[in-house]
């Protein structure tokens, strides 16, 4: 049951990794890459619903 979610997680990880490598190859400064990675991680977390917590109050 958890297999499709892991496949999506792997696909997202590979996509971010390829994006970072491509941006490095075209000469984007590492400081800018840090902001891009944080933004991508935030969007992915929002898409998964991470951070909602277990208690509805």
PDB file of N, CA and C in Angstrom:
ATOM      1  N   UNK A   1       0.802  -1.202   0.000  1.00  0.00           N
ATOM      2  CA  UNK A   1       0.000   0.000   0.000  1.00  0.00           C
ATOM      3  C   UNK A   1       0.841   1.261   0.000  1.00  0.00           C
ATOM      4  N   UNK A   2       1.975   1.239   0.661  1.00  0.00           N
ATOM      5  CA  UNK A   2       2.820   2.427   0.738  1.00  0.00           C
ATOM      6  C   UNK A   2       3.726   2.569  -0.474  1.00  0.00           C
ATOM      7  N   UNK A   3       3.711   1.600  -1.344  1.00  0.00           N
ATOM      8  CA  UNK A   3       4.632   1.614  -2.479  1.00  0.00           C
ATOM      9  C   UNK A   3       4.432   2.801  -3.419  1.00  0.00           C
ATOM     10  N   UNK A   4       3.201   3.152  -3.849  1.00  0.00           N
ATOM     11  CA  UNK A   4       3.066   4.306  -4.746  1.00  0.00           C
ATOM     12  C   UNK A   4       3.563   5.602  -4.117  1.00  0.00           C
ATOM     13  N   UNK A   5       3.335   5.792  -2.817  1.00  0.00           N
ATOM     14  CA  UNK A   5       3.808   7.009  -2.159  1.00  0.00           C
ATOM     15  C   UNK A   5       5.327   7.071  -2.191  1.00  0.00           C
ATOM     16  N   UNK A   6       5.976   5.952  -1.971  1.00  0.00           N
ATOM     17  CA  UNK A   6       7.443   5.932  -2.025  1.00  0.00           C
ATOM     18  C   UNK A   6       7.942   6.225  -3.430  1.00  0.00           C
ATOM     19  N   UNK A   7       7.221   5.745  -4.434  1.00  0.00           N
ATOM     20  CA  UNK A   7       7.623   6.022  -5.810  1.00  0.00           C
ATOM     21  C   UNK A   7       7.516   7.509  -6.101  1.00  0.00           C
ATOM     22  N   UNK A   8       6.464   8.150  -5.604  1.00  0.00           N
ATOM     23  CA  UNK A   8       6.305   9.589  -5.808  1.00  0.00           C
ATOM     24  C   UNK A   8       7.394  10.350  -5.056  1.00  0.00           C
ATOM     25  N   UNK A   9       7.715   9.907  -3.841  1.00  0.00           N
ATOM     26  CA  UNK A   9       8.783  10.546  -3.075  1.00  0.00           C
ATOM     27  C   UNK A   9      10.117  10.435  -3.803  1.00  0.00           C
ATOM     28  N   UNK A  10      10.397   9.255  -4.356  1.00  0.00           N
ATOM     29  CA  UNK A  10      11.643   9.058  -5.096  1.00  0.00           C
ATOM     30  C   UNK A  10      11.673   9.941  -6.342  1.00  0.00           C
ATOM     31  N   UNK A  11      10.562  10.009  -7.036  1.00  0.00           N
ATOM     32  CA  UNK A  11      10.483  10.842  -8.229  1.00  0.00           C
ATOM     33  C   UNK A  11      10.702  12.315  -7.885  1.00  0.00           C
ATOM     34  N   UNK A  12      10.117  12.771  -6.791  1.00  0.00           N
ATOM     35  CA  UNK A  12      10.303  14.164  -6.367  1.00  0.00           C
ATOM     36  C   UNK A  12      11.759  14.428  -5.988  1.00  0.00           C
ATOM     37  N   UNK A  13      12.378  13.484  -5.276  1.00  0.00           N
ATOM     38  CA  UNK A  13      13.784  13.634  -4.884  1.00  0.00           C
ATOM     39  C   UNK A  13      14.678  13.722  -6.117  1.00  0.00           C
ATOM     40  N   UNK A  14      14.462  12.837  -7.078  1.00  0.00           N
ATOM     41  CA  UNK A  14      15.274  12.829  -8.299  1.00  0.00           C
ATOM     42  C   UNK A  14      15.056  14.120  -9.090  1.00  0.00           C
ATOM     43  N   UNK A  15      13.809  14.597  -9.139  1.00  0.00           N
ATOM     44  CA  UNK A  15      13.518  15.835  -9.868  1.00  0.00           C
ATOM     45  C   UNK A  15      14.248  17.020  -9.245  1.00  0.00           C
ATOM     46  N   UNK A  16      14.236  17.103  -7.915  1.00  0.00           N
ATOM     47  CA  UNK A  16      14.942  18.197  -7.240  1.00  0.00           C
ATOM     48  C   UNK A  16      16.442  18.068  -7.458  1.00  0.00           C
ATOM     49  N   UNK A  17      16.964  16.859  -7.368  1.00  0.00           N
ATOM     50  CA  UNK A  17      18.396  16.643  -7.570  1.00  0.00           C
ATOM     51  C   UNK A  17      18.821  17.036  -8.981  1.00  0.00           C
ATOM     52  N   UNK A  18      18.060  16.634  -9.978  1.00  0.00           N
ATOM     53  CA  UNK A  18      18.379  16.983 -11.367  1.00  0.00           C
ATOM     54  C   UNK A  18      18.281  18.493 -11.574  1.00  0.00           C
ATOM     55  N   UNK A  19      17.286  19.116 -10.961  1.00  0.00           N
ATOM     56  CA  UNK A  19      17.135  20.574 -11.078  1.00  0.00           C
ATOM     57  C   UNK A  19      18.332  21.297 -10.483  1.00  0.00           C
ATOM     58  N   UNK A  20      18.771  20.859  -9.314  1.00  0.00           N
ATOM     59  CA  UNK A  20      19.924  21.492  -8.668  1.00  0.00           C
ATOM     60  C   UNK A  20      21.186  21.319  -9.512  1.00  0.00           C
ATOM     61  N   UNK A  21      21.408  20.128 -10.019  1.00  0.00           N
ATOM     62  CA  UNK A  21      22.590  19.883 -10.856  1.00  0.00           C
ATOM     63  C   UNK A  21      22.538  20.746 -12.121  1.00  0.00           C
ATOM     64  N   UNK A  22      21.371  20.823 -12.754  1.00  0.00           N
ATOM     65  CA  UNK A  22      21.236  21.638 -13.963  1.00  0.00           C
ATOM     66  C   UNK A  22      21.499  23.113 -13.660  1.00  0.00           C
ATOM     67  N   UNK A  23      20.967  23.594 -12.549  1.00  0.00           N
ATOM     68  CA  UNK A  23      21.203  24.993 -12.186  1.00  0.00           C
ATOM     69  C   UNK A  23      22.666  25.255 -11.865  1.00  0.00           C
ATOM     70  N   UNK A  24      23.330  24.303 -11.228  1.00  0.00           N
ATOM     71  CA  UNK A  24      24.765  24.453 -10.969  1.00  0.00           C
ATOM     72  C   UNK A  24      25.557  24.508 -12.267  1.00  0.00           C
ATOM     73  N   UNK A  25      25.185  23.671 -13.218  1.00  0.00           N
ATOM     74  CA  UNK A  25      25.903  23.626 -14.489  1.00  0.00           C
ATOM     75  C   UNK A  25      25.749  24.909 -15.299  1.00  0.00           C
ATOM     76  N   UNK A  26      24.624  25.608 -15.137  1.00  0.00           N
ATOM     77  CA  UNK A  26      24.465  26.860 -15.884  1.00  0.00           C
ATOM     78  C   UNK A  26      24.998  28.061 -15.116  1.00  0.00           C
ATOM     79  N   UNK A  27      25.520  27.825 -13.907  1.00  0.00           N
ATOM     80  CA  UNK A  27      26.219  28.878 -13.193  1.00  0.00           C
ATOM     81  C   UNK A  27      25.420  29.644 -12.152  1.00  0.00           C
ATOM     82  N   UNK A  28      24.357  29.073 -11.643  1.00  0.00           N
ATOM     83  CA  UNK A  28      23.579  29.741 -10.592  1.00  0.00           C
ATOM     84  C   UNK A  28      24.358  29.663  -9.283  1.00  0.00           C
ATOM     85  N   UNK A  29      24.454  30.765  -8.537  1.00  0.00           N
ATOM     86  CA  UNK A  29      25.185  30.761  -7.264  1.00  0.00           C
ATOM     87  C   UNK A  29      24.545  29.814  -6.237  1.00  0.00           C
ATOM     88  N   UNK A  30      25.355  29.169  -5.409  1.00  0.00           N
ATOM     89  CA  UNK A  30      24.834  28.233  -4.401  1.00  0.00           C
ATOM     90  C   UNK A  30      23.818  28.854  -3.445  1.00  0.00           C
ATOM     91  N   UNK A  31      23.958  30.138  -3.136  1.00  0.00           N
ATOM     92  CA  UNK A  31      23.004  30.791  -2.233  1.00  0.00           C
ATOM     93  C   UNK A  31      21.604  30.799  -2.851  1.00  0.00           C
ATOM     94  N   UNK A  32      21.542  31.019  -4.140  1.00  0.00           N
ATOM     95  CA  UNK A  32      20.254  31.008  -4.828  1.00  0.00           C
ATOM     96  C   UNK A  32      19.679  29.596  -4.858  1.00  0.00           C
ATOM     97  N   UNK A  33      20.549  28.605  -5.014  1.00  0.00           N
ATOM     98  CA  UNK A  33      20.085  27.220  -5.026  1.00  0.00           C
ATOM     99  C   UNK A  33      19.467  26.838  -3.690  1.00  0.00           C
ATOM    100  N   UNK A  34      20.029  27.345  -2.607  1.00  0.00           N
ATOM    101  CA  UNK A  34      19.477  27.045  -1.290  1.00  0.00           C
ATOM    102  C   UNK A  34      18.041  27.547  -1.202  1.00  0.00           C
ATOM    103  N   UNK A  35      17.784  28.732  -1.709  1.00  0.00           N
ATOM    104  CA  UNK A  35      16.415  29.271  -1.681  1.00  0.00           C
ATOM    105  C   UNK A  35      15.483  28.441  -2.562  1.00  0.00           C
ATOM    106  N   UNK A  36      15.960  28.007  -3.710  1.00  0.00           N
ATOM    107  CA  UNK A  36      15.144  27.196  -4.608  1.00  0.00           C
ATOM    108  C   UNK A  36      14.791  25.867  -3.954  1.00  0.00           C
ATOM    109  N   UNK A  37      15.767  25.227  -3.326  1.00  0.00           N
ATOM    110  CA  UNK A  37      15.531  23.930  -2.687  1.00  0.00           C
ATOM    111  C   UNK A  37      14.552  24.066  -1.515  1.00  0.00           C
ATOM    112  N   UNK A  38      14.698  25.110  -0.728  1.00  0.00           N
ATOM    113  CA  UNK A  38      13.773  25.321   0.390  1.00  0.00           C
ATOM    114  C   UNK A  38      12.357  25.564  -0.135  1.00  0.00           C
ATOM    115  N   UNK A  39      12.239  26.335  -1.203  1.00  0.00           N
ATOM    116  CA  UNK A  39      10.919  26.592  -1.784  1.00  0.00           C
ATOM    117  C   UNK A  39      10.302  25.305  -2.332  1.00  0.00           C
ATOM    118  N   UNK A  40      11.098  24.499  -3.028  1.00  0.00           N
ATOM    119  CA  UNK A  40      10.584  23.238  -3.571  1.00  0.00           C
ATOM    120  C   UNK A  40      10.170  22.286  -2.449  1.00  0.00           C
ATOM    121  N   UNK A  41      10.964  22.221  -1.406  1.00  0.00           N
ATOM    122  CA  UNK A  41      10.625  21.352  -0.277  1.00  0.00           C
ATOM    123  C   UNK A  41       9.348  21.826   0.402  1.00  0.00           C
ATOM    124  N   UNK A  42       9.181  23.124   0.530  1.00  0.00           N
ATOM    125  CA  UNK A  42       7.958  23.661   1.122  1.00  0.00           C
ATOM    126  C   UNK A  42       6.730  23.359   0.295  1.00  0.00           C
ATOM    127  N   UNK A  43       6.855  23.510  -1.015  1.00  0.00           N
ATOM    128  CA  UNK A  43       5.727  23.197  -1.893  1.00  0.00           C
ATOM    129  C   UNK A  43       5.377  21.712  -1.854  1.00  0.00           C
ATOM    130  N   UNK A  44       6.390  20.872  -1.845  1.00  0.00           N
ATOM    131  CA  UNK A  44       6.146  19.430  -1.785  1.00  0.00           C
ATOM    132  C   UNK A  44       5.520  19.047  -0.451  1.00  0.00           C
ATOM    133  N   UNK A  45       5.998  19.646   0.630  1.00  0.00           N
ATOM    134  CA  UNK A  45       5.413  19.379   1.943  1.00  0.00           C
ATOM    135  C   UNK A  45       3.960  19.826   2.007  1.00  0.00           C
ATOM    136  N   UNK A  46       3.655  20.982   1.410  1.00  0.00           N
ATOM    137  CA  UNK A  46       2.277  21.459   1.382  1.00  0.00           C
ATOM    138  C   UNK A  46       1.398  20.530   0.560  1.00  0.00           C
ATOM    139  N   UNK A  47       1.944  20.021  -0.537  1.00  0.00           N
ATOM    140  CA  UNK A  47       1.189  19.100  -1.386  1.00  0.00           C
ATOM    141  C   UNK A  47       0.882  17.800  -0.648  1.00  0.00           C
ATOM    142  N   UNK A  48       1.838  17.329   0.162  1.00  0.00           N
ATOM    143  CA  UNK A  48       1.613  16.105   0.932  1.00  0.00           C
ATOM    144  C   UNK A  48       0.768  16.347   2.177  1.00  0.00           C
ATOM    145  N   UNK A  49       0.693  17.576   2.617  1.00  0.00           N
ATOM    146  CA  UNK A  49      -0.052  17.879   3.829  1.00  0.00           C
ATOM    147  C   UNK A  49       0.788  17.741   5.073  1.00  0.00           C
ATOM    148  N   UNK A  50       2.104  17.814   4.945  1.00  0.00           N
ATOM    149  CA  UNK A  50       3.009  17.695   6.090  1.00  0.00           C
ATOM    150  C   UNK A  50       2.853  18.940   6.947  1.00  0.00           C
ATOM    151  N   UNK A  51       2.841  18.743   8.274  1.00  0.00           N
ATOM    152  CA  UNK A  51       2.791  19.871   9.176  1.00  0.00           C
ATOM    153  C   UNK A  51       1.394  20.199   9.677  1.00  0.00           C
ATOM    154  N   UNK A  52       0.408  19.450   9.266  1.00  0.00           N
ATOM    155  CA  UNK A  52      -0.944  19.697   9.749  1.00  0.00           C
ATOM    156  C   UNK A  52      -1.133  19.254  11.177  1.00  0.00           C
ATOM    157  N   UNK A  53      -0.329  18.289  11.581  1.00  0.00           N
ATOM    158  CA  UNK A  53      -0.429  17.788  12.951  1.00  0.00           C
ATOM    159  C   UNK A  53      -1.555  16.770  13.075  1.00  0.00           C
ATOM    160  N   UNK A  54      -1.543  16.030  14.143  1.00  0.00           N
ATOM    161  CA  UNK A  54      -2.531  14.976  14.323  1.00  0.00           C
ATOM    162  C   UNK A  54      -3.782  15.418  15.060  1.00  0.00           C
ATOM    163  N   UNK A  55      -3.734  16.608  15.662  1.00  0.00           N
ATOM    164  CA  UNK A  55      -4.867  17.042  16.477  1.00  0.00           C
ATOM    165  C   UNK A  55      -5.595  18.191  15.789  1.00  0.00           C
ATOM    166  N   UNK A  56      -6.868  18.056  15.695  1.00  0.00           N
ATOM    167  CA  UNK A  56      -7.698  19.141  15.194  1.00  0.00           C
ATOM    168  C   UNK A  56      -8.310  19.838  16.404  1.00  0.00           C
ATOM    169  N   UNK A  57      -8.118  21.115  16.520  1.00  0.00           N
ATOM    170  CA  UNK A  57      -8.466  21.719  17.728  1.00  0.00           C
ATOM    171  C   UNK A  57      -9.575  22.597  17.817  1.00  0.00           C
TER     172      UNK A  57
END
